Amino acid sequence: MVASLMRDGKPVTSSLPESGAGPLPGLRVTHDQRIEGTFALPAGATVRAGTVRILQNGQLRATQTAMP
C-alpha cells in the first residue's frame, strides 16, 4: 500500500508497512473481499491519494487508487 501525502507543503510518498515493520500478513482471497483496517499518518500530513497493489506469486494482479 502506498500513500501520497502533503507534509509541510511538500509531496511525500509513504509505503506501508514502514521499513523495519516486517511484511504484511499474507491474504488468501478466492472471491471479492472487503478488508478494512487503520494506520497512522505522520503528524501534519494530508492524504492526496492511496494506492493498493495486489500481487500473486510476485506478479501484479490488480491496482486501485483512491483520492479524497
N, C-alpha and C. Protein backbone atom coordinates (compact mmCIF):
# COMPACT_ATOMS: atom_id res chain seq x y z
N MET A 1 0.85 -1.15 0.00
CA MET A 1 0.00 0.00 0.00
C MET A 1 0.90 1.22 0.00
N VAL A 2 0.54 2.20 -0.81
CA VAL A 2 1.31 3.43 -0.92
C VAL A 2 0.38 4.61 -0.69
N ALA A 3 0.78 5.55 0.15
CA ALA A 3 0.00 6.76 0.40
C ALA A 3 0.78 7.96 -0.12
N SER A 4 0.13 8.78 -0.94
CA SER A 4 0.71 10.04 -1.40
C SER A 4 0.21 11.12 -0.46
N LEU A 5 1.14 11.82 0.18
CA LEU A 5 0.80 12.79 1.22
C LEU A 5 1.38 14.16 0.91
N MET A 6 0.82 15.17 1.56
CA MET A 6 1.42 16.51 1.59
C MET A 6 1.83 16.74 3.04
N ARG A 7 3.09 17.08 3.25
CA ARG A 7 3.59 17.33 4.60
C ARG A 7 4.46 18.58 4.55
N ASP A 8 4.11 19.56 5.33
CA ASP A 8 4.81 20.85 5.34
C ASP A 8 4.88 21.45 3.94
N GLY A 9 3.80 21.27 3.16
CA GLY A 9 3.72 21.84 1.82
C GLY A 9 4.51 21.10 0.76
N LYS A 10 5.07 19.94 1.10
CA LYS A 10 5.88 19.16 0.15
C LYS A 10 5.24 17.80 -0.06
N PRO A 11 5.28 17.28 -1.31
CA PRO A 11 4.73 15.95 -1.56
C PRO A 11 5.63 14.86 -0.96
N VAL A 12 5.01 13.88 -0.33
CA VAL A 12 5.73 12.77 0.31
C VAL A 12 5.02 11.48 -0.06
N THR A 13 5.78 10.43 -0.32
CA THR A 13 5.21 9.11 -0.56
C THR A 13 5.58 8.21 0.61
N SER A 14 4.58 7.54 1.17
CA SER A 14 4.80 6.66 2.31
C SER A 14 4.31 5.26 1.96
N SER A 15 5.20 4.28 2.07
CA SER A 15 4.83 2.89 1.79
C SER A 15 4.49 2.19 3.10
N LEU A 16 3.51 1.33 3.04
CA LEU A 16 3.11 0.56 4.21
C LEU A 16 3.28 -0.92 3.91
N PRO A 17 3.86 -1.70 4.75
CA PRO A 17 4.34 -1.33 6.06
C PRO A 17 5.61 -0.49 5.94
N GLU A 18 5.91 0.26 6.99
CA GLU A 18 7.11 1.09 7.02
C GLU A 18 8.34 0.20 7.14
N SER A 19 9.49 0.72 6.78
CA SER A 19 10.75 -0.02 6.86
C SER A 19 10.96 -0.57 8.26
N GLY A 20 11.36 -1.82 8.34
CA GLY A 20 11.64 -2.46 9.62
C GLY A 20 10.41 -2.98 10.34
N ALA A 21 9.22 -2.73 9.80
CA ALA A 21 7.99 -3.17 10.48
C ALA A 21 7.65 -4.62 10.15
N GLY A 22 8.37 -5.21 9.20
CA GLY A 22 8.06 -6.58 8.79
C GLY A 22 6.98 -6.58 7.74
N PRO A 23 6.81 -7.70 7.05
CA PRO A 23 5.82 -7.76 5.97
C PRO A 23 4.39 -7.79 6.50
N LEU A 24 3.48 -7.37 5.64
CA LEU A 24 2.06 -7.53 5.97
C LEU A 24 1.72 -9.01 5.93
N PRO A 25 0.76 -9.45 6.72
CA PRO A 25 0.38 -10.86 6.67
C PRO A 25 -0.19 -11.22 5.31
N GLY A 26 0.08 -12.42 4.85
CA GLY A 26 -0.46 -12.88 3.58
C GLY A 26 -1.97 -13.02 3.65
N LEU A 27 -2.63 -12.74 2.57
CA LEU A 27 -4.08 -12.86 2.50
C LEU A 27 -4.43 -13.89 1.44
N ARG A 28 -5.44 -14.66 1.71
CA ARG A 28 -5.94 -15.61 0.72
C ARG A 28 -7.34 -15.13 0.34
N VAL A 29 -7.50 -14.73 -0.90
CA VAL A 29 -8.77 -14.21 -1.38
C VAL A 29 -9.20 -15.06 -2.57
N THR A 30 -10.36 -15.70 -2.44
CA THR A 30 -10.86 -16.53 -3.54
C THR A 30 -11.98 -15.84 -4.29
N HIS A 31 -12.60 -14.86 -3.68
CA HIS A 31 -13.66 -14.05 -4.30
C HIS A 31 -13.44 -12.61 -3.86
N ASP A 32 -14.20 -11.69 -4.42
CA ASP A 32 -14.09 -10.31 -3.97
C ASP A 32 -14.27 -10.27 -2.46
N GLN A 33 -13.41 -9.51 -1.80
CA GLN A 33 -13.46 -9.45 -0.35
C GLN A 33 -13.12 -8.04 0.10
N ARG A 34 -13.85 -7.52 1.04
CA ARG A 34 -13.57 -6.20 1.60
C ARG A 34 -12.71 -6.40 2.85
N ILE A 35 -11.60 -5.70 2.90
CA ILE A 35 -10.70 -5.78 4.03
C ILE A 35 -10.53 -4.36 4.57
N GLU A 36 -10.76 -4.18 5.87
CA GLU A 36 -10.67 -2.87 6.48
C GLU A 36 -9.59 -2.85 7.55
N GLY A 37 -9.04 -1.68 7.78
CA GLY A 37 -8.05 -1.51 8.81
C GLY A 37 -7.67 -0.05 8.93
N THR A 38 -6.78 0.26 9.84
CA THR A 38 -6.33 1.63 10.03
C THR A 38 -4.82 1.65 10.12
N PHE A 39 -4.24 2.81 9.89
CA PHE A 39 -2.82 3.02 10.08
C PHE A 39 -2.59 4.49 10.41
N ALA A 40 -1.48 4.78 11.05
CA ALA A 40 -1.17 6.14 11.47
C ALA A 40 -0.43 6.88 10.37
N LEU A 41 -0.77 8.14 10.18
CA LEU A 41 -0.07 9.01 9.24
C LEU A 41 0.92 9.87 10.02
N PRO A 42 1.97 10.33 9.34
CA PRO A 42 2.90 11.24 10.02
C PRO A 42 2.16 12.51 10.47
N ALA A 43 2.60 13.09 11.56
CA ALA A 43 1.98 14.31 12.08
C ALA A 43 2.01 15.41 11.02
N GLY A 44 0.90 16.10 10.85
CA GLY A 44 0.82 17.20 9.90
C GLY A 44 0.64 16.80 8.45
N ALA A 45 0.47 15.51 8.18
CA ALA A 45 0.33 15.04 6.80
C ALA A 45 -1.12 15.08 6.36
N THR A 46 -1.33 15.38 5.08
CA THR A 46 -2.65 15.38 4.46
C THR A 46 -2.63 14.38 3.32
N VAL A 47 -3.59 13.48 3.26
CA VAL A 47 -3.63 12.45 2.22
C VAL A 47 -4.04 13.06 0.89
N ARG A 48 -3.27 12.78 -0.15
CA ARG A 48 -3.61 13.18 -1.52
C ARG A 48 -4.19 12.00 -2.30
N ALA A 49 -3.67 10.79 -2.04
CA ALA A 49 -4.16 9.59 -2.72
C ALA A 49 -3.64 8.36 -1.99
N GLY A 50 -4.33 7.25 -2.18
CA GLY A 50 -3.89 5.96 -1.64
C GLY A 50 -3.96 4.92 -2.74
N THR A 51 -2.94 4.08 -2.84
CA THR A 51 -2.90 3.04 -3.86
C THR A 51 -2.65 1.69 -3.21
N VAL A 52 -3.42 0.70 -3.61
CA VAL A 52 -3.23 -0.67 -3.14
C VAL A 52 -2.90 -1.52 -4.36
N ARG A 53 -1.88 -2.35 -4.22
CA ARG A 53 -1.48 -3.26 -5.29
C ARG A 53 -1.62 -4.69 -4.79
N ILE A 54 -2.26 -5.53 -5.58
CA ILE A 54 -2.43 -6.95 -5.24
C ILE A 54 -1.46 -7.75 -6.10
N LEU A 55 -0.61 -8.54 -5.43
CA LEU A 55 0.35 -9.38 -6.12
C LEU A 55 0.01 -10.84 -5.90
N GLN A 56 0.23 -11.64 -6.91
CA GLN A 56 0.08 -13.09 -6.80
C GLN A 56 1.35 -13.70 -7.35
N ASN A 57 2.08 -14.42 -6.49
CA ASN A 57 3.35 -15.02 -6.86
C ASN A 57 4.29 -13.99 -7.47
N GLY A 58 4.31 -12.79 -6.88
CA GLY A 58 5.19 -11.73 -7.34
C GLY A 58 4.73 -10.98 -8.57
N GLN A 59 3.61 -11.37 -9.15
CA GLN A 59 3.08 -10.71 -10.34
C GLN A 59 1.93 -9.78 -9.95
N LEU A 60 1.94 -8.57 -10.50
CA LEU A 60 0.87 -7.62 -10.24
C LEU A 60 -0.42 -8.12 -10.85
N ARG A 61 -1.46 -8.24 -10.02
CA ARG A 61 -2.76 -8.74 -10.49
C ARG A 61 -3.81 -7.63 -10.54
N ALA A 62 -3.71 -6.62 -9.66
CA ALA A 62 -4.69 -5.54 -9.63
C ALA A 62 -4.10 -4.33 -8.92
N THR A 63 -4.55 -3.15 -9.33
CA THR A 63 -4.17 -1.90 -8.70
C THR A 63 -5.41 -1.04 -8.54
N GLN A 64 -5.55 -0.39 -7.39
CA GLN A 64 -6.68 0.51 -7.17
C GLN A 64 -6.14 1.76 -6.47
N THR A 65 -6.48 2.93 -7.02
CA THR A 65 -6.09 4.20 -6.42
C THR A 65 -7.35 4.97 -6.04
N ALA A 66 -7.33 5.55 -4.86
CA ALA A 66 -8.46 6.36 -4.38
C ALA A 66 -7.93 7.73 -3.98
N MET A 67 -8.72 8.76 -4.28
CA MET A 67 -8.38 10.13 -3.90
C MET A 67 -9.51 10.70 -3.06
N PRO A 68 -9.16 11.44 -2.00
CA PRO A 68 -10.22 12.02 -1.16
C PRO A 68 -10.98 13.12 -1.88
